[in-house]
Amino acid sequence: MRDGGGGGRDIKVNEDVVRGASEQLISAASVLDPAGKSLPGLGNTGEAAAILGLILAGFAEVGGRLSMESETIGTAAREAVSATADADQRAAAESLLIKGPMETKQ
């Protein structure tokens, strides 16, 4: 867990939790996408075919959007965790260079 270091409010983030959630979102997108492409046919539904077709088309559209957004949010979260970890490592290294390894900030 990392504490923010700059001015203003500190944000505490459990990187493992965010990383796990991002991977789950990306994984869900990979499951949703093929599911939307495998909708059942209308078969012999008679007069209900038109309305059932519209309903299934709506499900397919929403599923496609959900898949895309799930992957987009998961990727953004993964990149944010990586960027935060990199920034924290740089800040820690700079602190050691400025203060020296035996000194601590007050």
C-alpha atoms as a PDB file:
ATOM      1  CA  MET A   1       0.000   0.000   0.000  1.00  0.00           C
ATOM      2  CA  ARG A   2       1.380   3.386  -0.946  1.00  0.00           C
ATOM      3  CA  ASP A   3       0.682   6.797   0.569  1.00  0.00           C
ATOM      4  CA  GLY A   4       0.616   9.852  -1.673  1.00  0.00           C
ATOM      5  CA  GLY A   5       3.562  12.147  -1.187  1.00  0.00           C
ATOM      6  CA  GLY A   6       2.706  15.472  -2.751  1.00  0.00           C
ATOM      7  CA  GLY A   7       0.792  18.456  -1.524  1.00  0.00           C
ATOM      8  CA  GLY A   8      -2.907  18.276  -0.925  1.00  0.00           C
ATOM      9  CA  ARG A   9      -4.613  15.061  -0.012  1.00  0.00           C
ATOM     10  CA  ASP A  10      -2.772  11.790   0.204  1.00  0.00           C
ATOM     11  CA  ILE A  11      -4.334   8.868  -1.593  1.00  0.00           C
ATOM     12  CA  LYS A  12      -3.822   5.392  -0.196  1.00  0.00           C
ATOM     13  CA  VAL A  13      -3.948   2.692  -2.840  1.00  0.00           C
ATOM     14  CA  ASN A  14      -3.525  -1.029  -2.496  1.00  0.00           C
ATOM     15  CA  GLU A  15      -1.787  -1.708  -5.797  1.00  0.00           C
ATOM     16  CA  ASP A  16      -2.468  -5.445  -5.681  1.00  0.00           C
ATOM     17  CA  VAL A  17      -6.221  -4.858  -5.378  1.00  0.00           C
ATOM     18  CA  VAL A  18      -6.271  -2.371  -8.261  1.00  0.00           C
ATOM     19  CA  ARG A  19      -4.065  -4.612 -10.385  1.00  0.00           C
ATOM     20  CA  GLY A  20      -6.349  -7.601  -9.675  1.00  0.00           C
ATOM     21  CA  ALA A  21      -9.486  -5.618 -10.494  1.00  0.00           C
ATOM     22  CA  SER A  22      -7.975  -4.366 -13.742  1.00  0.00           C
ATOM     23  CA  GLU A  23      -7.093  -7.901 -14.810  1.00  0.00           C
ATOM     24  CA  GLN A  24     -10.623  -9.067 -13.984  1.00  0.00           C
ATOM     25  CA  LEU A  25     -12.118  -6.283 -16.106  1.00  0.00           C
ATOM     26  CA  ILE A  26      -9.877  -7.145 -19.042  1.00  0.00           C
ATOM     27  CA  SER A  27     -10.688 -10.834 -18.634  1.00  0.00           C
ATOM     28  CA  ALA A  28     -14.426 -10.101 -18.518  1.00  0.00           C
ATOM     29  CA  ALA A  29     -14.134  -8.149 -21.763  1.00  0.00           C
ATOM     30  CA  SER A  30     -12.576 -11.141 -23.472  1.00  0.00           C
ATOM     31  CA  VAL A  31     -15.521 -13.303 -22.352  1.00  0.00           C
ATOM     32  CA  LEU A  32     -18.253 -10.781 -23.198  1.00  0.00           C
ATOM     33  CA  ASP A  33     -17.054 -10.063 -26.718  1.00  0.00           C
ATOM     34  CA  PRO A  34     -17.491 -13.595 -28.130  1.00  0.00           C
ATOM     35  CA  ALA A  35     -20.759 -14.036 -26.202  1.00  0.00           C
ATOM     36  CA  GLY A  36     -22.289 -11.112 -28.094  1.00  0.00           C
ATOM     37  CA  LYS A  37     -21.391 -12.730 -31.392  1.00  0.00           C
ATOM     38  CA  SER A  38     -23.154 -15.985 -30.508  1.00  0.00           C
ATOM     39  CA  LEU A  39     -26.725 -14.788 -30.076  1.00  0.00           C
ATOM     40  CA  PRO A  40     -29.419 -17.318 -30.899  1.00  0.00           C
ATOM     41  CA  GLY A  41     -31.263 -17.127 -34.193  1.00  0.00           C
ATOM     42  CA  LEU A  42     -34.929 -16.226 -34.378  1.00  0.00           C
ATOM     43  CA  GLY A  43     -35.919 -19.624 -35.699  1.00  0.00           C
ATOM     44  CA  ASN A  44     -39.619 -20.043 -36.225  1.00  0.00           C
ATOM     45  CA  THR A  45     -40.905 -17.216 -34.028  1.00  0.00           C
ATOM     46  CA  GLY A  46     -43.541 -15.986 -36.482  1.00  0.00           C
ATOM     47  CA  GLU A  47     -44.943 -12.535 -35.819  1.00  0.00           C
ATOM     48  CA  ALA A  48     -42.693 -12.059 -32.787  1.00  0.00           C
ATOM     49  CA  ALA A  49     -39.557 -12.259 -34.992  1.00  0.00           C
ATOM     50  CA  ALA A  50     -39.315  -8.494 -35.515  1.00  0.00           C
ATOM     51  CA  ILE A  51     -39.555  -7.566 -31.835  1.00  0.00           C
ATOM     52  CA  LEU A  52     -37.294 -10.449 -30.772  1.00  0.00           C
ATOM     53  CA  GLY A  53     -34.769  -9.343 -33.388  1.00  0.00           C
ATOM     54  CA  LEU A  54     -34.768  -5.814 -31.961  1.00  0.00           C
ATOM     55  CA  ILE A  55     -34.351  -7.127 -28.416  1.00  0.00           C
ATOM     56  CA  LEU A  56     -31.457  -9.378 -29.412  1.00  0.00           C
ATOM     57  CA  ALA A  57     -29.835  -6.547 -31.382  1.00  0.00           C
ATOM     58  CA  GLY A  58     -30.117  -4.347 -28.281  1.00  0.00           C
ATOM     59  CA  PHE A  59     -28.479  -7.018 -26.133  1.00  0.00           C
ATOM     60  CA  ALA A  60     -25.670  -7.401 -28.660  1.00  0.00           C
ATOM     61  CA  GLU A  61     -25.064  -3.643 -28.790  1.00  0.00           C
ATOM     62  CA  VAL A  62     -25.013  -3.249 -25.013  1.00  0.00           C
ATOM     63  CA  GLY A  63     -22.773  -6.304 -24.634  1.00  0.00           C
ATOM     64  CA  GLY A  64     -20.341  -4.874 -27.171  1.00  0.00           C
ATOM     65  CA  ARG A  65     -20.220  -1.550 -25.351  1.00  0.00           C
ATOM     66  CA  LEU A  66     -19.789  -3.270 -21.994  1.00  0.00           C
ATOM     67  CA  SER A  67     -16.957  -5.379 -23.374  1.00  0.00           C
ATOM     68  CA  MET A  68     -15.188  -2.359 -24.851  1.00  0.00           C
ATOM     69  CA  GLU A  69     -15.576  -0.218 -21.728  1.00  0.00           C
ATOM     70  CA  SER A  70     -14.512  -3.057 -19.455  1.00  0.00           C
ATOM     71  CA  GLU A  71     -11.284  -3.451 -21.397  1.00  0.00           C
ATOM     72  CA  THR A  72     -10.726   0.327 -21.571  1.00  0.00           C
ATOM     73  CA  ILE A  73     -11.189   0.817 -17.811  1.00  0.00           C
ATOM     74  CA  GLY A  74      -9.121  -2.265 -16.961  1.00  0.00           C
ATOM     75  CA  THR A  75      -6.252  -1.101 -19.160  1.00  0.00           C
ATOM     76  CA  ALA A  76      -6.388   2.426 -17.717  1.00  0.00           C
ATOM     77  CA  ALA A  77      -6.307   1.073 -14.154  1.00  0.00           C
ATOM     78  CA  ARG A  78      -3.354  -1.206 -14.978  1.00  0.00           C
ATOM     79  CA  GLU A  79      -1.433   1.707 -16.516  1.00  0.00           C
ATOM     80  CA  ALA A  80      -2.253   3.990 -13.568  1.00  0.00           C
ATOM     81  CA  VAL A  81      -0.897   1.462 -11.057  1.00  0.00           C
ATOM     82  CA  SER A  82       2.287   1.045 -13.091  1.00  0.00           C
ATOM     83  CA  ALA A  83       2.749   4.805 -13.456  1.00  0.00           C
ATOM     84  CA  THR A  84       2.177   5.347  -9.734  1.00  0.00           C
ATOM     85  CA  ALA A  85       4.637   2.621  -8.787  1.00  0.00           C
ATOM     86  CA  ASP A  86       7.247   4.071 -11.170  1.00  0.00           C
ATOM     87  CA  ALA A  87       6.736   7.589  -9.776  1.00  0.00           C
ATOM     88  CA  ASP A  88       7.035   6.302  -6.199  1.00  0.00           C
ATOM     89  CA  GLN A  89      10.268   4.481  -7.031  1.00  0.00           C
ATOM     90  CA  ARG A  90      11.728   7.607  -8.681  1.00  0.00           C
ATOM     91  CA  ALA A  91      10.737   9.757  -5.701  1.00  0.00           C
ATOM     92  CA  ALA A  92      12.291   7.277  -3.278  1.00  0.00           C
ATOM     93  CA  ALA A  93      15.518   7.170  -5.306  1.00  0.00           C
ATOM     94  CA  GLU A  94      15.659  10.976  -5.474  1.00  0.00           C
ATOM     95  CA  SER A  95      15.100  11.191  -1.727  1.00  0.00           C
ATOM     96  CA  LEU A  96      18.069   8.899  -1.141  1.00  0.00           C
ATOM     97  CA  LEU A  97      20.234  10.962  -3.490  1.00  0.00           C
ATOM     98  CA  ILE A  98      19.270  14.255  -1.867  1.00  0.00           C
ATOM     99  CA  LYS A  99      19.269  13.201   1.802  1.00  0.00           C
ATOM    100  CA  GLY A 100      21.653  10.299   1.708  1.00  0.00           C
ATOM    101  CA  PRO A 101      20.856   6.766   2.850  1.00  0.00           C
ATOM    102  CA  MET A 102      21.264   7.419   6.601  1.00  0.00           C
ATOM    103  CA  GLU A 103      19.207  10.592   6.890  1.00  0.00           C
ATOM    104  CA  THR A 104      15.424  10.753   7.087  1.00  0.00           C
ATOM    105  CA  LYS A 105      13.009  13.532   6.210  1.00  0.00           C
ATOM    106  CA  GLN A 106      11.520  15.387   9.157  1.00  0.00           C
END
